[in-house]
Amino acid sequence: MQVTPVTPDLLADEVTGLVAARPGRVRLAVDGPPPTHPRALADAVATRLRVLGRPVVVVDAADYLRPASLRLELGHTDVDMFLDGWLDVGGLRREVLDPAAPGGSGRVLPRLWDAVADRAHRDRYVELPPDGVVVLAGALLLGRGLPIDAAVHLRMSEKALERRLADDERWTLPAYARYAAENTPEKIANLLVLADHPDRPAIKRGDCGRGGS
């Protein structure tokens, strides 16, 4: 195994290369808890891919949460629901990942549900061309059957996560511990990033999977 320190810009370059080498439509997941800033990496990768001529749609998993009546039916701090019941997996498949497949319709909906207002977004569908890329960013994405073609996992240790999570999110710590143990995202991801210090990430090579759900 080899650990290579990189800058955030070099990390974005590395992820861009992972996608740019693949022909046709690509569905990339950037997975990590909030303090690792998966959306920021997704946006940086999208910018680079567009420069290379690849159309990109960035989808934030936070815009594909289930309605509050379902998400919070066991309370606002239920760990089991946070891990397995908050994300609208069916909606993501139907509106984003299945249409973005090589043989899919290409009609992708960037946002489905506004979790703050607890109502549907009114986004228009985006037509993803045959060489387009969907970048899905968020937490707890891997190991739950989502059809993706490549994945990056931003790993933060339990102690670092405990220090960096906002006070009102600390109740989620057991969910992230279970996710690491049960979903084994490190074995799924094509690229494993050590992100205890998000401004000083490191790429760990030699023990990652080949992507997938």
N, C-alpha and C. Protein backbone atom coordinates (compact mmCIF):
# COMPACT_ATOMS: atom_id res chain seq x y z
N MET A 1 0.83 -1.19 0.00
CA MET A 1 0.00 0.00 0.00
C MET A 1 0.87 1.25 0.00
N GLN A 2 0.40 2.27 -0.68
CA GLN A 2 1.15 3.51 -0.81
C GLN A 2 0.24 4.68 -0.50
N VAL A 3 0.71 5.61 0.34
CA VAL A 3 -0.05 6.81 0.68
C VAL A 3 0.67 8.00 0.08
N THR A 4 -0.03 8.75 -0.76
CA THR A 4 0.56 9.89 -1.46
C THR A 4 -0.15 11.18 -1.06
N PRO A 5 0.51 12.06 -0.32
CA PRO A 5 -0.10 13.36 0.00
C PRO A 5 -0.31 14.17 -1.27
N VAL A 6 -1.44 14.85 -1.35
CA VAL A 6 -1.75 15.68 -2.50
C VAL A 6 -2.43 16.96 -2.02
N THR A 7 -2.51 17.93 -2.90
CA THR A 7 -3.30 19.12 -2.64
C THR A 7 -4.73 18.86 -3.10
N PRO A 8 -5.69 19.67 -2.65
CA PRO A 8 -7.06 19.52 -3.17
C PRO A 8 -7.13 19.63 -4.69
N ASP A 9 -6.31 20.51 -5.29
CA ASP A 9 -6.32 20.63 -6.75
C ASP A 9 -5.80 19.36 -7.43
N LEU A 10 -4.74 18.79 -6.88
CA LEU A 10 -4.20 17.55 -7.46
C LEU A 10 -5.18 16.39 -7.27
N LEU A 11 -5.89 16.39 -6.16
CA LEU A 11 -6.91 15.36 -5.96
C LEU A 11 -8.00 15.48 -7.01
N ALA A 12 -8.45 16.71 -7.27
CA ALA A 12 -9.46 16.90 -8.31
C ALA A 12 -8.94 16.47 -9.67
N ASP A 13 -7.67 16.72 -9.95
CA ASP A 13 -7.07 16.27 -11.21
C ASP A 13 -7.10 14.74 -11.29
N GLU A 14 -6.77 14.09 -10.19
CA GLU A 14 -6.74 12.62 -10.16
C GLU A 14 -8.12 12.03 -10.43
N VAL A 15 -9.13 12.59 -9.77
CA VAL A 15 -10.49 12.09 -9.97
C VAL A 15 -10.96 12.37 -11.40
N THR A 16 -10.61 13.53 -11.92
CA THR A 16 -10.96 13.86 -13.30
C THR A 16 -10.37 12.83 -14.27
N GLY A 17 -9.13 12.45 -14.03
CA GLY A 17 -8.50 11.45 -14.89
C GLY A 17 -9.20 10.11 -14.81
N LEU A 18 -9.71 9.77 -13.63
CA LEU A 18 -10.44 8.52 -13.46
C LEU A 18 -11.67 8.47 -14.35
N VAL A 19 -12.32 9.62 -14.52
CA VAL A 19 -13.53 9.69 -15.33
C VAL A 19 -13.21 9.89 -16.80
N ALA A 20 -12.26 10.78 -17.09
CA ALA A 20 -11.97 11.15 -18.47
C ALA A 20 -11.48 9.97 -19.29
N ALA A 21 -10.88 8.98 -18.63
CA ALA A 21 -10.38 7.80 -19.35
C ALA A 21 -11.50 6.87 -19.79
N ARG A 22 -12.72 7.11 -19.33
CA ARG A 22 -13.84 6.21 -19.65
C ARG A 22 -14.69 6.81 -20.77
N PRO A 23 -14.95 6.05 -21.82
CA PRO A 23 -15.80 6.55 -22.90
C PRO A 23 -17.28 6.47 -22.52
N GLY A 24 -18.10 7.21 -23.25
CA GLY A 24 -19.54 7.14 -23.02
C GLY A 24 -19.95 7.80 -21.72
N ARG A 25 -21.19 7.57 -21.33
CA ARG A 25 -21.68 8.14 -20.09
C ARG A 25 -21.00 7.49 -18.89
N VAL A 26 -20.76 8.31 -17.88
CA VAL A 26 -20.12 7.83 -16.65
C VAL A 26 -20.92 8.36 -15.45
N ARG A 27 -21.15 7.47 -14.48
CA ARG A 27 -21.80 7.86 -13.23
C ARG A 27 -20.77 7.72 -12.11
N LEU A 28 -20.35 8.87 -11.59
CA LEU A 28 -19.32 8.92 -10.56
C LEU A 28 -19.94 9.28 -9.22
N ALA A 29 -19.58 8.56 -8.17
CA ALA A 29 -20.00 8.90 -6.81
C ALA A 29 -18.80 9.46 -6.05
N VAL A 30 -19.00 10.60 -5.41
CA VAL A 30 -18.00 11.18 -4.50
C VAL A 30 -18.61 11.07 -3.10
N ASP A 31 -18.10 10.14 -2.32
CA ASP A 31 -18.73 9.74 -1.06
C ASP A 31 -17.88 10.18 0.12
N GLY A 32 -18.51 10.85 1.08
CA GLY A 32 -17.78 11.22 2.28
C GLY A 32 -18.68 12.00 3.23
N PRO A 33 -18.40 11.96 4.53
CA PRO A 33 -19.21 12.73 5.50
C PRO A 33 -19.03 14.22 5.27
N PRO A 34 -19.95 15.05 5.79
CA PRO A 34 -19.92 16.48 5.50
C PRO A 34 -18.58 17.18 5.71
N PRO A 35 -17.81 16.88 6.77
CA PRO A 35 -16.55 17.61 6.95
C PRO A 35 -15.50 17.35 5.87
N THR A 36 -15.69 16.31 5.05
CA THR A 36 -14.74 16.05 3.97
C THR A 36 -15.08 16.83 2.70
N HIS A 37 -16.22 17.49 2.70
CA HIS A 37 -16.64 18.36 1.60
C HIS A 37 -16.73 17.63 0.25
N PRO A 38 -17.53 16.58 0.16
CA PRO A 38 -17.65 15.86 -1.12
C PRO A 38 -18.21 16.72 -2.25
N ARG A 39 -19.10 17.65 -1.93
CA ARG A 39 -19.67 18.49 -2.99
C ARG A 39 -18.61 19.41 -3.58
N ALA A 40 -17.72 19.92 -2.76
CA ALA A 40 -16.66 20.79 -3.28
C ALA A 40 -15.77 20.04 -4.26
N LEU A 41 -15.43 18.80 -3.93
CA LEU A 41 -14.63 17.99 -4.85
C LEU A 41 -15.41 17.70 -6.12
N ALA A 42 -16.69 17.37 -5.98
CA ALA A 42 -17.51 17.10 -7.16
C ALA A 42 -17.55 18.31 -8.09
N ASP A 43 -17.71 19.50 -7.53
CA ASP A 43 -17.75 20.71 -8.36
C ASP A 43 -16.42 20.96 -9.05
N ALA A 44 -15.32 20.72 -8.33
CA ALA A 44 -13.99 20.92 -8.94
C ALA A 44 -13.76 19.94 -10.08
N VAL A 45 -14.20 18.71 -9.90
CA VAL A 45 -14.07 17.70 -10.97
C VAL A 45 -14.95 18.08 -12.16
N ALA A 46 -16.15 18.54 -11.88
CA ALA A 46 -17.06 18.94 -12.96
C ALA A 46 -16.46 20.06 -13.79
N THR A 47 -15.85 21.03 -13.14
CA THR A 47 -15.22 22.14 -13.86
C THR A 47 -14.14 21.63 -14.81
N ARG A 48 -13.33 20.72 -14.33
CA ARG A 48 -12.24 20.17 -15.15
C ARG A 48 -12.79 19.35 -16.31
N LEU A 49 -13.81 18.56 -16.07
CA LEU A 49 -14.38 17.73 -17.12
C LEU A 49 -15.00 18.60 -18.22
N ARG A 50 -15.63 19.68 -17.83
CA ARG A 50 -16.23 20.58 -18.84
C ARG A 50 -15.15 21.20 -19.72
N VAL A 51 -14.01 21.53 -19.13
CA VAL A 51 -12.90 22.06 -19.92
C VAL A 51 -12.45 21.03 -20.95
N LEU A 52 -12.55 19.74 -20.59
CA LEU A 52 -12.17 18.67 -21.50
C LEU A 52 -13.27 18.34 -22.51
N GLY A 53 -14.39 19.07 -22.42
CA GLY A 53 -15.46 18.85 -23.38
C GLY A 53 -16.50 17.84 -22.97
N ARG A 54 -16.48 17.39 -21.69
CA ARG A 54 -17.48 16.42 -21.23
C ARG A 54 -18.60 17.15 -20.50
N PRO A 55 -19.82 17.05 -20.98
CA PRO A 55 -20.95 17.64 -20.26
C PRO A 55 -21.13 16.96 -18.90
N VAL A 56 -21.45 17.74 -17.86
CA VAL A 56 -21.52 17.20 -16.50
C VAL A 56 -22.77 17.72 -15.79
N VAL A 57 -23.42 16.85 -15.05
CA VAL A 57 -24.47 17.23 -14.13
C VAL A 57 -24.03 16.80 -12.73
N VAL A 58 -23.95 17.76 -11.82
CA VAL A 58 -23.61 17.45 -10.43
C VAL A 58 -24.90 17.31 -9.64
N VAL A 59 -25.04 16.20 -8.94
CA VAL A 59 -26.23 15.94 -8.13
C VAL A 59 -25.80 15.80 -6.68
N ASP A 60 -26.41 16.58 -5.81
CA ASP A 60 -26.13 16.52 -4.38
C ASP A 60 -27.12 15.56 -3.74
N ALA A 61 -26.61 14.56 -3.02
CA ALA A 61 -27.50 13.59 -2.38
C ALA A 61 -28.47 14.26 -1.42
N ALA A 62 -28.10 15.42 -0.88
CA ALA A 62 -28.99 16.14 0.02
C ALA A 62 -30.28 16.59 -0.67
N ASP A 63 -30.27 16.63 -2.00
CA ASP A 63 -31.47 16.97 -2.75
C ASP A 63 -32.27 15.73 -3.15
N TYR A 64 -31.87 14.60 -2.62
CA TYR A 64 -32.59 13.35 -2.85
C TYR A 64 -32.84 12.63 -1.52
N LEU A 65 -33.19 13.41 -0.50
CA LEU A 65 -33.64 12.81 0.74
C LEU A 65 -35.14 12.54 0.66
N ARG A 66 -35.60 11.62 1.48
CA ARG A 66 -37.03 11.31 1.50
C ARG A 66 -37.79 12.40 2.26
N PRO A 67 -39.09 12.52 2.04
CA PRO A 67 -39.88 13.51 2.79
C PRO A 67 -39.77 13.29 4.30
N ALA A 68 -39.96 14.37 5.04
CA ALA A 68 -39.81 14.31 6.49
C ALA A 68 -40.74 13.28 7.13
N SER A 69 -41.93 13.12 6.58
CA SER A 69 -42.88 12.16 7.16
C SER A 69 -42.34 10.74 7.15
N LEU A 70 -41.47 10.43 6.19
CA LEU A 70 -40.85 9.12 6.11
C LEU A 70 -39.48 9.11 6.78
N ARG A 71 -38.70 10.17 6.51
CA ARG A 71 -37.32 10.23 6.99
C ARG A 71 -37.25 10.32 8.51
N LEU A 72 -38.20 11.02 9.09
CA LEU A 72 -38.15 11.31 10.52
C LEU A 72 -39.25 10.61 11.31
N GLU A 73 -39.83 9.57 10.72
CA GLU A 73 -40.96 8.93 11.40
C GLU A 73 -40.58 8.28 12.72
N LEU A 74 -39.31 7.97 12.92
CA LEU A 74 -38.85 7.40 14.19
C LEU A 74 -38.10 8.44 15.03
N GLY A 75 -38.20 9.70 14.65
CA GLY A 75 -37.54 10.77 15.39
C GLY A 75 -36.44 11.43 14.57
N HIS A 76 -35.99 12.57 15.06
CA HIS A 76 -34.99 13.35 14.34
C HIS A 76 -33.57 12.82 14.48
N THR A 77 -33.35 11.93 15.45
CA THR A 77 -31.99 11.46 15.69
C THR A 77 -31.91 9.93 15.74
N ASP A 78 -32.73 9.28 14.92
CA ASP A 78 -32.68 7.82 14.86
C ASP A 78 -31.53 7.39 13.96
N VAL A 79 -30.56 6.68 14.53
CA VAL A 79 -29.34 6.32 13.80
C VAL A 79 -29.64 5.35 12.66
N ASP A 80 -30.50 4.35 12.92
CA ASP A 80 -30.81 3.37 11.89
C ASP A 80 -31.46 4.02 10.68
N MET A 81 -32.38 4.94 10.92
CA MET A 81 -33.04 5.61 9.80
C MET A 81 -32.07 6.51 9.05
N PHE A 82 -31.19 7.20 9.78
CA PHE A 82 -30.22 8.05 9.12
C PHE A 82 -29.34 7.24 8.19
N LEU A 83 -28.95 6.05 8.63
CA LEU A 83 -28.06 5.22 7.82
C LEU A 83 -28.78 4.61 6.62
N ASP A 84 -29.99 4.13 6.82
CA ASP A 84 -30.64 3.34 5.77
C ASP A 84 -31.96 3.91 5.26
N GLY A 85 -32.49 4.95 5.92
CA GLY A 85 -33.82 5.40 5.55
C GLY A 85 -33.95 6.83 5.11
N TRP A 86 -32.87 7.61 5.19
CA TRP A 86 -32.98 9.02 4.79
C TRP A 86 -32.84 9.21 3.28
N LEU A 87 -31.91 8.53 2.66
CA LEU A 87 -31.66 8.72 1.24
C LEU A 87 -32.73 8.03 0.40
N ASP A 88 -33.24 8.76 -0.59
CA ASP A 88 -34.24 8.20 -1.50
C ASP A 88 -33.52 7.44 -2.60
N VAL A 89 -33.16 6.21 -2.29
CA VAL A 89 -32.41 5.38 -3.23
C VAL A 89 -33.22 5.14 -4.50
N GLY A 90 -34.50 4.86 -4.34
CA GLY A 90 -35.34 4.63 -5.51
C GLY A 90 -35.44 5.85 -6.40
N GLY A 91 -35.56 7.04 -5.78
CA GLY A 91 -35.62 8.27 -6.57
C GLY A 91 -34.34 8.53 -7.32
N LEU A 92 -33.21 8.29 -6.67
CA LEU A 92 -31.92 8.48 -7.34
C LEU A 92 -31.77 7.56 -8.53
N ARG A 93 -32.18 6.33 -8.37
CA ARG A 93 -32.09 5.39 -9.49
C ARG A 93 -32.99 5.84 -10.63
N ARG A 94 -34.23 6.15 -10.28
CA ARG A 94 -35.24 6.46 -11.30
C ARG A 94 -34.95 7.75 -12.04
N GLU A 95 -34.53 8.79 -11.31
CA GLU A 95 -34.42 10.12 -11.90
C GLU A 95 -33.01 10.49 -12.34
N VAL A 96 -32.00 9.76 -11.87
CA VAL A 96 -30.62 10.14 -12.17
C VAL A 96 -29.81 8.99 -12.75
N LEU A 97 -29.64 7.94 -11.97
CA LEU A 97 -28.63 6.94 -12.31
C LEU A 97 -29.07 6.00 -13.43
N ASP A 98 -30.31 5.58 -13.44
CA ASP A 98 -30.76 4.73 -14.55
C ASP A 98 -30.82 5.50 -15.87
N PRO A 99 -31.36 6.73 -15.90
CA PRO A 99 -31.33 7.49 -17.15
C PRO A 99 -29.92 7.80 -17.63
N ALA A 100 -28.95 7.90 -16.70
CA ALA A 100 -27.57 8.22 -17.08
C ALA A 100 -26.76 6.99 -17.46
N ALA A 101 -27.37 5.83 -17.45
CA ALA A 101 -26.68 4.61 -17.88
C ALA A 101 -26.42 4.67 -19.38
N PRO A 102 -25.47 3.88 -19.88
CA PRO A 102 -25.16 3.91 -21.31
C PRO A 102 -26.38 3.75 -22.21
N GLY A 103 -27.33 2.93 -21.81
CA GLY A 103 -28.53 2.73 -22.62
C GLY A 103 -29.74 3.47 -22.10
N GLY A 104 -29.52 4.40 -21.16
CA GLY A 104 -30.64 5.12 -20.55
C GLY A 104 -31.16 6.25 -21.41
N SER A 105 -32.23 6.87 -20.95
CA SER A 105 -32.88 7.94 -21.71
C SER A 105 -32.05 9.21 -21.76
N GLY A 106 -31.18 9.42 -20.79
CA GLY A 106 -30.39 10.64 -20.71
C GLY A 106 -31.11 11.80 -20.04
N ARG A 107 -32.37 11.61 -19.64
CA ARG A 107 -33.15 12.68 -18.99
C ARG A 107 -32.92 12.61 -17.48
N VAL A 108 -32.11 13.53 -16.97
CA VAL A 108 -31.68 13.52 -15.58
C VAL A 108 -32.31 14.69 -14.83
N LEU A 109 -32.80 14.42 -13.63
CA LEU A 109 -33.38 15.46 -12.79
C LEU A 109 -32.37 15.83 -11.71
N PRO A 110 -31.78 17.04 -11.76
CA PRO A 110 -30.72 17.39 -10.83
C PRO A 110 -31.15 17.40 -9.37
N ARG A 111 -32.37 17.84 -9.08
CA ARG A 111 -32.85 17.91 -7.70
C ARG A 111 -34.29 17.40 -7.64
N LEU A 112 -34.59 16.63 -6.59
CA LEU A 112 -35.94 16.09 -6.45
C LEU A 112 -36.68 16.69 -5.26
N TRP A 113 -36.05 16.68 -4.08
CA TRP A 113 -36.76 17.06 -2.86
C TRP A 113 -35.97 18.09 -2.06
N ASP A 114 -36.65 19.17 -1.67
CA ASP A 114 -36.07 20.20 -0.82
C ASP A 114 -36.34 19.79 0.63
N ALA A 115 -35.32 19.26 1.29
CA ALA A 115 -35.51 18.73 2.64
C ALA A 115 -35.77 19.82 3.66
N VAL A 116 -35.29 21.03 3.41
CA VAL A 116 -35.51 22.14 4.35
C VAL A 116 -36.96 22.59 4.30
N ALA A 117 -37.47 22.84 3.10
CA ALA A 117 -38.86 23.25 2.94
C ALA A 117 -39.82 22.07 2.97
N ASP A 118 -39.29 20.87 2.85
CA ASP A 118 -40.06 19.63 2.80
C ASP A 118 -41.12 19.67 1.69
N ARG A 119 -40.64 19.96 0.51
CA ARG A 119 -41.50 19.94 -0.67
C ARG A 119 -40.63 19.65 -1.89
N ALA A 120 -41.27 19.31 -2.98
CA ALA A 120 -40.53 18.96 -4.18
C ALA A 120 -39.88 20.20 -4.79
N HIS A 121 -38.66 20.02 -5.30
CA HIS A 121 -38.06 21.05 -6.15
C HIS A 121 -38.83 21.09 -7.47
N ARG A 122 -38.67 22.19 -8.18
CA ARG A 122 -39.34 22.31 -9.48
C ARG A 122 -38.31 22.39 -10.60
N ASP A 123 -37.29 21.58 -10.50
CA ASP A 123 -36.24 21.57 -11.50
C ASP A 123 -36.75 20.98 -12.82
N ARG A 124 -36.15 21.42 -13.90
CA ARG A 124 -36.40 20.82 -15.20
C ARG A 124 -35.42 19.67 -15.43
N TYR A 125 -35.82 18.74 -16.23
CA TYR A 125 -34.91 17.65 -16.60
C TYR A 125 -33.79 18.20 -17.49
N VAL A 126 -32.64 17.59 -17.34
CA VAL A 126 -31.47 17.93 -18.15
C VAL A 126 -31.18 16.76 -19.08
N GLU A 127 -30.92 17.07 -20.34
CA GLU A 127 -30.59 16.02 -21.30
C GLU A 127 -29.09 15.74 -21.25
N LEU A 128 -28.72 14.56 -20.85
CA LEU A 128 -27.31 14.17 -20.76
C LEU A 128 -26.91 13.47 -22.06
N PRO A 129 -25.96 14.03 -22.79
CA PRO A 129 -25.56 13.42 -24.06
C PRO A 129 -24.83 12.10 -23.85
N PRO A 130 -24.53 11.40 -24.95
CA PRO A 130 -23.90 10.07 -24.84
C PRO A 130 -22.55 10.07 -24.15
N ASP A 131 -21.86 11.22 -24.11
CA ASP A 131 -20.57 11.27 -23.43
C ASP A 131 -20.65 12.05 -22.12
N GLY A 132 -21.86 12.24 -21.61
CA GLY A 132 -22.07 13.04 -20.40
C GLY A 132 -21.68 12.29 -19.13
N VAL A 133 -21.52 13.07 -18.07
CA VAL A 133 -21.11 12.53 -16.78
C VAL A 133 -22.06 13.03 -15.70
N VAL A 134 -22.49 12.14 -14.84
CA VAL A 134 -23.20 12.50 -13.62
C VAL A 134 -22.24 12.33 -12.45
N VAL A 135 -22.10 13.37 -11.63
CA VAL A 135 -21.30 13.28 -10.42
C VAL A 135 -22.25 13.41 -9.24
N LEU A 136 -22.38 12.33 -8.49
CA LEU A 136 -23.25 12.28 -7.31
C LEU A 136 -22.39 12.48 -6.07
N ALA A 137 -22.70 13.52 -5.28
CA ALA A 137 -21.89 13.85 -4.11
C ALA A 137 -22.72 13.75 -2.85
N GLY A 138 -22.12 13.17 -1.81
CA GLY A 138 -22.83 13.09 -0.55
C GLY A 138 -22.23 12.04 0.36
N ALA A 139 -22.96 11.71 1.41
CA ALA A 139 -22.48 10.77 2.42
C ALA A 139 -23.27 9.46 2.35
N LEU A 140 -22.63 8.38 2.78
CA LEU A 140 -23.29 7.08 2.95
C LEU A 140 -23.87 6.56 1.63
N LEU A 141 -23.14 6.72 0.55
CA LEU A 141 -23.65 6.40 -0.78
C LEU A 141 -23.33 4.98 -1.24
N LEU A 142 -22.24 4.42 -0.75
CA LEU A 142 -21.74 3.17 -1.32
C LEU A 142 -22.29 1.95 -0.56
N GLY A 143 -22.34 0.83 -1.29
CA GLY A 143 -22.78 -0.41 -0.67
C GLY A 143 -24.27 -0.49 -0.46
N ARG A 144 -25.05 0.27 -1.22
CA ARG A 144 -26.51 0.24 -1.06
C ARG A 144 -27.22 0.01 -2.40
N GLY A 145 -26.50 -0.53 -3.38
CA GLY A 145 -27.13 -0.94 -4.62
C GLY A 145 -27.31 0.14 -5.65
N LEU A 146 -26.71 1.31 -5.47
CA LEU A 146 -26.82 2.35 -6.48
C LEU A 146 -25.96 1.99 -7.69
N PRO A 147 -26.50 2.08 -8.90
CA PRO A 147 -25.73 1.74 -10.09
C PRO A 147 -24.77 2.86 -10.47
N ILE A 148 -23.52 2.72 -10.11
CA ILE A 148 -22.50 3.71 -10.43
C ILE A 148 -21.36 3.02 -11.16
N ASP A 149 -20.58 3.83 -11.88
CA ASP A 149 -19.49 3.28 -12.68
C ASP A 149 -18.13 3.49 -12.03
N ALA A 150 -18.00 4.51 -11.20
CA ALA A 150 -16.75 4.79 -10.51
C ALA A 150 -17.07 5.50 -9.20
N ALA A 151 -16.21 5.32 -8.22
CA ALA A 151 -16.49 5.89 -6.91
C ALA A 151 -15.21 6.37 -6.24
N VAL A 152 -15.34 7.48 -5.52
CA VAL A 152 -14.28 8.01 -4.68
C VAL A 152 -14.82 8.03 -3.26
N HIS A 153 -14.04 7.50 -2.32
CA HIS A 153 -14.45 7.54 -0.91
C HIS A 153 -13.50 8.42 -0.13
N LEU A 154 -14.05 9.45 0.49
CA LEU A 154 -13.28 10.36 1.34
C LEU A 154 -13.39 9.84 2.77
N ARG A 155 -12.34 9.21 3.24
CA ARG A 155 -12.39 8.58 4.55
C ARG A 155 -11.87 9.52 5.63
N MET A 156 -12.67 9.67 6.68
CA MET A 156 -12.26 10.45 7.84
C MET A 156 -12.34 9.54 9.06
N SER A 157 -11.29 9.49 9.86
CA SER A 157 -11.26 8.63 11.03
C SER A 157 -12.34 9.05 12.03
N GLU A 158 -12.70 8.13 12.90
CA GLU A 158 -13.75 8.42 13.88
C GLU A 158 -13.38 9.63 14.75
N LYS A 159 -12.13 9.70 15.19
CA LYS A 159 -11.73 10.81 16.06
C LYS A 159 -11.77 12.14 15.31
N ALA A 160 -11.30 12.13 14.06
CA ALA A 160 -11.33 13.37 13.28
C ALA A 160 -12.76 13.79 12.99
N LEU A 161 -13.61 12.81 12.68
CA LEU A 161 -15.01 13.12 12.40
C LEU A 161 -15.69 13.68 13.64
N GLU A 162 -15.38 13.11 14.79
CA GLU A 162 -15.96 13.60 16.04
C GLU A 162 -15.56 15.05 16.30
N ARG A 163 -14.33 15.39 15.96
CA ARG A 163 -13.87 16.77 16.16
C ARG A 163 -14.51 17.74 15.18
N ARG A 164 -14.76 17.30 13.97
CA ARG A 164 -15.13 18.22 12.90
C ARG A 164 -16.64 18.30 12.63
N LEU A 165 -17.40 17.32 13.07
CA LEU A 165 -18.84 17.39 12.87
C LEU A 165 -19.44 18.53 13.69
N ALA A 166 -20.42 19.19 13.12
CA ALA A 166 -21.15 20.22 13.87
C ALA A 166 -21.84 19.58 15.07
N ASP A 167 -22.03 20.38 16.11
CA ASP A 167 -22.61 19.85 17.35
C ASP A 167 -23.96 19.17 17.11
N ASP A 168 -24.77 19.75 16.24
CA ASP A 168 -26.10 19.18 16.02
C ASP A 168 -26.07 17.96 15.10
N GLU A 169 -24.86 17.56 14.65
CA GLU A 169 -24.74 16.36 13.81
C GLU A 169 -23.98 15.23 14.51
N ARG A 170 -23.55 15.47 15.73
CA ARG A 170 -22.72 14.47 16.41
C ARG A 170 -23.47 13.18 16.69
N TRP A 171 -24.79 13.25 16.74
CA TRP A 171 -25.57 12.04 16.97
C TRP A 171 -25.42 11.05 15.81
N THR A 172 -24.93 11.51 14.65
CA THR A 172 -24.77 10.63 13.49
C THR A 172 -23.49 9.79 13.54
N LEU A 173 -22.62 10.04 14.51
CA LEU A 173 -21.34 9.32 14.57
C LEU A 173 -21.51 7.80 14.54
N PRO A 174 -22.43 7.20 15.31
CA PRO A 174 -22.58 5.74 15.24
C PRO A 174 -22.98 5.25 13.85
N ALA A 175 -23.72 6.07 13.10
CA ALA A 175 -24.12 5.67 11.75
C ALA A 175 -22.90 5.60 10.83
N TYR A 176 -22.00 6.57 10.95
CA TYR A 176 -20.80 6.55 10.11
C TYR A 176 -19.88 5.38 10.49
N ALA A 177 -19.82 5.05 11.78
CA ALA A 177 -19.02 3.91 12.21
C ALA A 177 -19.60 2.61 11.64
N ARG A 178 -20.91 2.48 11.68
CA ARG A 178 -21.54 1.29 11.12
C ARG A 178 -21.36 1.22 9.61
N TYR A 179 -21.46 2.37 8.95
CA TYR A 179 -21.28 2.42 7.50
C TYR A 179 -19.90 1.91 7.11
N ALA A 180 -18.87 2.35 7.84
CA ALA A 180 -17.51 1.91 7.55
C ALA A 180 -17.36 0.42 7.75
N ALA A 181 -18.00 -0.12 8.78
CA ALA A 181 -17.85 -1.55 9.10
C ALA A 181 -18.72 -2.44 8.23
N GLU A 182 -19.93 -2.01 7.95
CA GLU A 182 -20.90 -2.88 7.28
C GLU A 182 -20.91 -2.70 5.77
N ASN A 183 -20.79 -1.48 5.29
CA ASN A 183 -20.84 -1.23 3.85
C ASN A 183 -19.47 -1.31 3.19
N THR A 184 -18.42 -1.27 4.00
CA THR A 184 -17.02 -1.34 3.54
C THR A 184 -16.78 -0.50 2.28
N PRO A 185 -17.01 0.81 2.37
CA PRO A 185 -16.85 1.66 1.18
C PRO A 185 -15.44 1.63 0.62
N GLU A 186 -14.44 1.37 1.45
CA GLU A 186 -13.06 1.34 0.97
C GLU A 186 -12.85 0.23 -0.07
N LYS A 187 -13.60 -0.86 0.07
CA LYS A 187 -13.46 -1.96 -0.87
C LYS A 187 -14.23 -1.74 -2.15
N ILE A 188 -15.16 -0.78 -2.13
CA ILE A 188 -15.98 -0.49 -3.31
C ILE A 188 -15.36 0.59 -4.17
N ALA A 189 -14.76 1.58 -3.50
CA ALA A 189 -14.27 2.77 -4.20
C ALA A 189 -13.10 2.46 -5.12
N ASN A 190 -13.06 3.15 -6.24
CA ASN A 190 -11.89 3.09 -7.12
C ASN A 190 -10.73 3.89 -6.56
N LEU A 191 -11.07 4.92 -5.79
CA LEU A 191 -10.06 5.81 -5.24
C LEU A 191 -10.38 6.08 -3.78
N LEU A 192 -9.44 5.78 -2.90
CA LEU A 192 -9.60 6.01 -1.46
C LEU A 192 -8.77 7.21 -1.07
N VAL A 193 -9.41 8.18 -0.44
CA VAL A 193 -8.75 9.42 -0.03
C VAL A 193 -8.79 9.53 1.49
N LEU A 194 -7.63 9.70 2.10
CA LEU A 194 -7.56 9.93 3.54
C LEU A 194 -7.80 11.42 3.77
N ALA A 195 -8.88 11.74 4.46
CA ALA A 195 -9.34 13.13 4.53
C ALA A 195 -9.50 13.63 5.95
N ASP A 196 -8.67 13.17 6.87
CA ASP A 196 -8.73 13.71 8.23
C ASP A 196 -8.47 15.21 8.23
N HIS A 197 -7.62 15.65 7.31
CA HIS A 197 -7.35 17.08 7.10
C HIS A 197 -7.76 17.40 5.66
N PRO A 198 -8.98 17.83 5.43
CA PRO A 198 -9.48 18.01 4.06
C PRO A 198 -8.63 18.93 3.20
N ASP A 199 -7.92 19.87 3.83
CA ASP A 199 -7.06 20.76 3.04
C ASP A 199 -5.72 20.11 2.72
N ARG A 200 -5.46 18.94 3.32
CA ARG A 200 -4.23 18.19 3.05
C ARG A 200 -4.55 16.71 2.86
N PRO A 201 -5.31 16.38 1.82
CA PRO A 201 -5.70 14.98 1.62
C PRO A 201 -4.53 14.11 1.18
N ALA A 202 -4.75 12.82 1.23
CA ALA A 202 -3.75 11.86 0.74
C ALA A 202 -4.49 10.72 0.05
N ILE A 203 -3.93 10.25 -1.03
CA ILE A 203 -4.50 9.13 -1.77
C ILE A 203 -3.84 7.84 -1.30
N LYS A 204 -4.65 6.87 -0.94
CA LYS A 204 -4.15 5.58 -0.50
C LYS A 204 -4.38 4.58 -1.62
N ARG A 205 -3.32 3.99 -2.08
CA ARG A 205 -3.41 3.06 -3.21
C ARG A 205 -3.09 1.64 -2.76
N GLY A 206 -3.73 0.68 -3.44
CA GLY A 206 -3.36 -0.72 -3.21
C GLY A 206 -4.41 -1.56 -2.55
N ASP A 207 -5.48 -0.95 -1.97
CA ASP A 207 -6.46 -1.77 -1.30
C ASP A 207 -7.90 -1.34 -1.64
N CYS A 208 -8.06 -0.68 -2.79
CA CYS A 208 -9.41 -0.22 -3.19
C CYS A 208 -10.07 -1.24 -4.07
N GLY A 209 -11.38 -1.08 -4.19
CA GLY A 209 -12.14 -1.95 -5.07
C GLY A 209 -12.14 -1.44 -6.49
N ARG A 210 -13.09 -1.90 -7.26
CA ARG A 210 -13.18 -1.53 -8.67
C ARG A 210 -14.43 -0.70 -8.96
N GLY A 211 -14.98 -0.09 -7.94
CA GLY A 211 -16.18 0.69 -8.14
C GLY A 211 -17.41 -0.19 -8.10
N GLY A 212 -18.56 0.41 -8.28
CA GLY A 212 -19.81 -0.32 -8.23
C GLY A 212 -20.69 0.25 -7.16
N SER A 213 -21.68 -0.51 -6.74
CA SER A 213 -22.69 0.00 -5.82
C SER A 213 -22.27 -0.15 -4.38
